[in-house]
């Protein structure tokens, strides 16, 4: 895929670093999709932390064989998909 140049306030997250491939996994979802879906529903998890946990989860699930890649330009305000109740 071609590199995306995000506007301000946009975060781009790829399942794997440039030049590498993403694991399809053994089940219905890839390790990246599974990790992202699991973390997305955690209340009170700020976006940058969420992405960090997804990265760690994928590295763990693939025995460090796949490393998600993130870049962009986020504002300093925190962003939550699900705020703390």
N, C-alpha and C. Protein backbone atom coordinates (compact mmCIF):
# COMPACT_ATOMS: atom_id res chain seq x y z
N UNK A 1 0.83 -1.19 0.00
CA UNK A 1 0.00 0.00 0.00
C UNK A 1 0.88 1.25 0.00
N UNK A 2 0.37 2.27 -0.62
CA UNK A 2 1.10 3.53 -0.66
C UNK A 2 1.04 4.21 0.71
N UNK A 3 2.07 4.95 1.01
CA UNK A 3 2.12 5.70 2.26
C UNK A 3 1.05 6.78 2.25
N UNK A 4 0.37 6.92 3.36
CA UNK A 4 -0.67 7.94 3.52
C UNK A 4 -0.05 9.12 4.27
N UNK A 5 -0.30 10.32 3.79
CA UNK A 5 0.16 11.52 4.49
C UNK A 5 -1.03 12.12 5.22
N UNK A 6 -1.11 11.89 6.53
CA UNK A 6 -2.29 12.33 7.29
C UNK A 6 -2.31 13.84 7.54
N UNK A 7 -3.51 14.36 7.64
CA UNK A 7 -3.71 15.75 8.06
C UNK A 7 -3.50 15.84 9.57
N UNK A 8 -3.45 17.07 10.08
CA UNK A 8 -3.38 17.25 11.53
C UNK A 8 -4.53 16.54 12.20
N UNK A 9 -4.27 15.99 13.35
CA UNK A 9 -5.31 15.33 14.12
C UNK A 9 -5.64 13.94 13.61
N UNK A 10 -4.75 13.34 12.83
CA UNK A 10 -5.00 12.02 12.26
C UNK A 10 -3.89 11.07 12.69
N UNK A 11 -4.27 9.87 13.06
CA UNK A 11 -3.33 8.83 13.42
C UNK A 11 -3.52 7.67 12.45
N UNK A 12 -2.43 7.22 11.84
CA UNK A 12 -2.47 6.09 10.91
C UNK A 12 -1.82 4.91 11.62
N UNK A 13 -2.51 3.77 11.62
CA UNK A 13 -1.99 2.57 12.27
C UNK A 13 -2.02 1.44 11.25
N UNK A 14 -0.85 0.91 10.95
CA UNK A 14 -0.74 -0.24 10.06
C UNK A 14 -0.54 -1.49 10.91
N UNK A 15 -1.01 -2.62 10.41
CA UNK A 15 -0.86 -3.88 11.13
C UNK A 15 0.58 -4.34 11.19
N UNK A 16 1.41 -3.89 10.24
CA UNK A 16 2.82 -4.29 10.22
C UNK A 16 3.67 -3.16 9.63
N UNK A 17 4.92 -3.15 10.01
CA UNK A 17 5.86 -2.15 9.49
C UNK A 17 6.00 -2.26 7.98
N UNK A 18 6.41 -1.14 7.38
CA UNK A 18 6.66 -1.10 5.94
C UNK A 18 7.70 -2.15 5.56
N UNK A 19 7.43 -2.85 4.47
CA UNK A 19 8.36 -3.86 4.00
C UNK A 19 8.17 -5.22 4.64
N UNK A 20 7.21 -5.34 5.57
CA UNK A 20 6.93 -6.62 6.21
C UNK A 20 5.47 -6.99 5.94
N UNK A 21 5.11 -8.20 6.25
CA UNK A 21 3.74 -8.64 6.05
C UNK A 21 3.06 -8.89 7.39
N UNK A 22 1.75 -8.78 7.37
CA UNK A 22 0.95 -9.03 8.56
C UNK A 22 0.50 -10.49 8.57
N UNK A 23 0.55 -11.10 9.74
CA UNK A 23 0.12 -12.48 9.94
C UNK A 23 -1.41 -12.55 9.85
N UNK A 24 -1.92 -13.53 9.11
CA UNK A 24 -3.38 -13.72 9.01
C UNK A 24 -3.96 -14.36 10.26
N UNK A 25 -3.14 -15.05 11.04
CA UNK A 25 -3.62 -15.69 12.25
C UNK A 25 -4.25 -17.04 11.99
N UNK A 26 -4.66 -17.69 13.06
CA UNK A 26 -5.24 -19.03 12.98
C UNK A 26 -6.75 -19.03 12.99
N UNK A 27 -7.36 -17.99 13.50
CA UNK A 27 -8.81 -17.94 13.64
C UNK A 27 -9.46 -17.06 12.60
N UNK A 28 -10.56 -16.43 13.00
CA UNK A 28 -11.30 -15.56 12.09
C UNK A 28 -10.63 -14.21 11.88
N UNK A 29 -9.78 -13.80 12.82
CA UNK A 29 -9.15 -12.49 12.74
C UNK A 29 -7.64 -12.61 12.87
N UNK A 30 -6.96 -11.63 12.31
CA UNK A 30 -5.50 -11.57 12.41
C UNK A 30 -5.11 -11.17 13.83
N UNK A 31 -3.85 -11.37 14.21
CA UNK A 31 -3.41 -10.92 15.53
C UNK A 31 -3.65 -9.42 15.74
N UNK A 32 -3.44 -8.62 14.69
CA UNK A 32 -3.67 -7.18 14.81
C UNK A 32 -5.15 -6.87 15.02
N UNK A 33 -6.02 -7.44 14.20
CA UNK A 33 -7.46 -7.18 14.33
C UNK A 33 -7.98 -7.63 15.69
N UNK A 34 -7.51 -8.78 16.15
CA UNK A 34 -7.93 -9.29 17.45
C UNK A 34 -7.48 -8.35 18.58
N UNK A 35 -6.21 -7.93 18.53
CA UNK A 35 -5.69 -7.04 19.58
C UNK A 35 -6.41 -5.69 19.55
N UNK A 36 -6.63 -5.13 18.37
CA UNK A 36 -7.29 -3.84 18.25
C UNK A 36 -8.72 -3.92 18.77
N UNK A 37 -9.45 -4.97 18.37
CA UNK A 37 -10.84 -5.13 18.82
C UNK A 37 -10.91 -5.31 20.34
N UNK A 38 -9.98 -6.05 20.91
CA UNK A 38 -9.98 -6.26 22.37
C UNK A 38 -9.69 -4.97 23.12
N UNK A 39 -8.77 -4.19 22.64
CA UNK A 39 -8.40 -2.95 23.33
C UNK A 39 -9.41 -1.82 23.09
N UNK A 40 -10.06 -1.82 21.94
CA UNK A 40 -11.01 -0.76 21.58
C UNK A 40 -12.17 -0.66 22.56
N UNK A 41 -12.58 -1.75 23.15
CA UNK A 41 -13.74 -1.76 24.05
C UNK A 41 -13.37 -1.53 25.52
N UNK A 42 -12.10 -1.26 25.79
CA UNK A 42 -11.67 -0.99 27.16
C UNK A 42 -12.00 0.45 27.53
N UNK A 43 -12.90 0.67 28.48
CA UNK A 43 -13.22 2.04 28.89
C UNK A 43 -12.01 2.72 29.52
N UNK A 44 -11.86 4.02 29.25
CA UNK A 44 -10.82 4.81 29.88
C UNK A 44 -9.43 4.61 29.33
N UNK A 45 -9.31 3.98 28.17
CA UNK A 45 -8.00 3.76 27.57
C UNK A 45 -7.77 4.82 26.50
N UNK A 46 -6.87 5.75 26.78
CA UNK A 46 -6.57 6.84 25.87
C UNK A 46 -5.94 6.29 24.59
N UNK A 47 -6.18 6.96 23.46
CA UNK A 47 -5.79 6.46 22.14
C UNK A 47 -4.31 6.08 22.03
N UNK A 48 -3.41 6.93 22.49
CA UNK A 48 -2.00 6.59 22.36
C UNK A 48 -1.63 5.38 23.20
N UNK A 49 -2.26 5.23 24.35
CA UNK A 49 -2.04 4.03 25.18
C UNK A 49 -2.63 2.81 24.49
N UNK A 50 -3.83 2.96 23.92
CA UNK A 50 -4.49 1.87 23.21
C UNK A 50 -3.57 1.32 22.12
N UNK A 51 -3.01 2.21 21.32
CA UNK A 51 -2.12 1.79 20.23
C UNK A 51 -0.87 1.11 20.79
N UNK A 52 -0.34 1.61 21.88
CA UNK A 52 0.82 0.98 22.51
C UNK A 52 0.52 -0.43 23.00
N UNK A 53 -0.65 -0.61 23.59
CA UNK A 53 -1.04 -1.95 24.04
C UNK A 53 -1.27 -2.88 22.86
N UNK A 54 -1.88 -2.37 21.79
CA UNK A 54 -2.08 -3.19 20.58
C UNK A 54 -0.73 -3.64 20.04
N UNK A 55 0.21 -2.73 19.97
CA UNK A 55 1.56 -3.07 19.49
C UNK A 55 2.15 -4.19 20.34
N UNK A 56 2.09 -4.02 21.66
CA UNK A 56 2.63 -5.04 22.56
C UNK A 56 1.90 -6.37 22.41
N UNK A 57 0.57 -6.33 22.28
CA UNK A 57 -0.22 -7.55 22.13
C UNK A 57 0.15 -8.30 20.84
N UNK A 58 0.33 -7.55 19.75
CA UNK A 58 0.67 -8.18 18.47
C UNK A 58 2.08 -8.76 18.52
N UNK A 59 3.03 -8.01 19.07
CA UNK A 59 4.38 -8.54 19.21
C UNK A 59 4.38 -9.83 20.02
N UNK A 60 3.60 -9.87 21.09
CA UNK A 60 3.51 -11.06 21.93
C UNK A 60 2.85 -12.22 21.18
N UNK A 61 1.75 -11.94 20.50
CA UNK A 61 1.00 -12.99 19.79
C UNK A 61 1.79 -13.59 18.63
N UNK A 62 2.70 -12.81 18.06
CA UNK A 62 3.46 -13.29 16.90
C UNK A 62 4.91 -13.60 17.24
N UNK A 63 5.21 -13.70 18.53
CA UNK A 63 6.58 -13.98 18.98
C UNK A 63 7.56 -12.99 18.34
N UNK A 64 7.17 -11.71 18.35
CA UNK A 64 7.95 -10.59 17.80
C UNK A 64 8.13 -10.68 16.29
N UNK A 65 7.28 -11.45 15.62
CA UNK A 65 7.37 -11.58 14.17
C UNK A 65 6.64 -10.49 13.41
N UNK A 66 5.75 -9.78 14.08
CA UNK A 66 4.99 -8.71 13.45
C UNK A 66 4.94 -7.52 14.39
N UNK A 67 5.29 -6.36 13.87
CA UNK A 67 5.26 -5.15 14.68
C UNK A 67 4.39 -4.10 14.00
N UNK A 68 3.27 -3.74 14.61
CA UNK A 68 2.44 -2.67 14.05
C UNK A 68 3.22 -1.36 13.97
N UNK A 69 2.82 -0.53 13.04
CA UNK A 69 3.50 0.75 12.82
C UNK A 69 2.47 1.87 12.87
N UNK A 70 2.80 2.93 13.57
CA UNK A 70 1.89 4.06 13.77
C UNK A 70 2.59 5.36 13.45
N UNK A 71 1.90 6.25 12.78
CA UNK A 71 2.41 7.60 12.62
C UNK A 71 1.27 8.57 12.40
N UNK A 72 1.54 9.83 12.58
CA UNK A 72 0.52 10.85 12.42
C UNK A 72 0.84 12.04 13.30
N UNK A 73 -0.09 12.94 13.37
CA UNK A 73 0.10 14.17 14.13
C UNK A 73 -1.16 14.42 14.95
N UNK A 74 -1.13 13.98 16.20
CA UNK A 74 -2.30 14.14 17.06
C UNK A 74 -2.21 15.43 17.87
N UNK A 75 -3.36 16.00 18.19
CA UNK A 75 -3.36 17.17 19.07
C UNK A 75 -3.02 16.73 20.49
N UNK A 76 -2.70 17.69 21.38
CA UNK A 76 -2.30 17.32 22.73
C UNK A 76 -3.46 16.83 23.61
N UNK A 77 -4.70 17.06 23.20
CA UNK A 77 -5.84 16.60 24.00
C UNK A 77 -5.97 15.08 23.94
N UNK A 78 -6.36 14.50 25.06
CA UNK A 78 -6.60 13.06 25.11
C UNK A 78 -7.83 12.70 24.29
N UNK A 79 -7.79 11.48 23.70
CA UNK A 79 -8.94 10.98 22.94
C UNK A 79 -9.28 9.59 23.44
N UNK A 80 -10.55 9.35 23.71
CA UNK A 80 -11.03 8.04 24.17
C UNK A 80 -12.15 7.57 23.26
N UNK A 81 -12.10 6.31 22.84
CA UNK A 81 -13.24 5.73 22.15
C UNK A 81 -14.36 5.48 23.17
N UNK A 82 -13.97 5.00 24.35
CA UNK A 82 -14.91 4.78 25.45
C UNK A 82 -14.35 5.43 26.71
N UNK A 83 -14.86 6.60 27.08
CA UNK A 83 -14.36 7.24 28.30
C UNK A 83 -14.62 6.38 29.52
N UNK A 84 -13.89 6.65 30.56
CA UNK A 84 -14.09 5.95 31.83
C UNK A 84 -15.51 6.24 32.31
N UNK A 85 -16.25 5.21 32.75
CA UNK A 85 -17.64 5.46 33.21
C UNK A 85 -17.68 6.30 34.48
